[in-house]
């Protein structure tokens, strides 16, 4: 599977896929001026990656300090896509990583988790 590496900017997160560990990381802040323009290449990569998944596990670590409403919609689309694939039998887990000092991050994670039934969605407190 192809690697994916998108560098962070002050308004976009770092997105990196470690093909050896099968871990996708999304980390930083997300309030891009043009959300579609930023995330479209990521979703193209994701769709191709999910099609190629067999029995191996796929973990998505998300650690966002801040994100705007457009990015929230992107996250919901991401979770919907991952949920569809989990329902299809693929071994996918999401780790929502939050700082215990950032209560809103935990609350967002709890809200996202409520909408998911099959996808493994873990709330992980950052050390």
Foldseek 3Di string as FASTA:
>chain_A
DDWDWDPDDQAAWTWTADVVVQEIETEEHHDDPDVCVVCVVVVVVVVVVLVPADADEHEYEYYHPYYDPVVLVVVLVVVVVVLVSLVVVYHYEYEQEYEPVRVVSVVSLVVSVVVHDRHHYHYHYDD
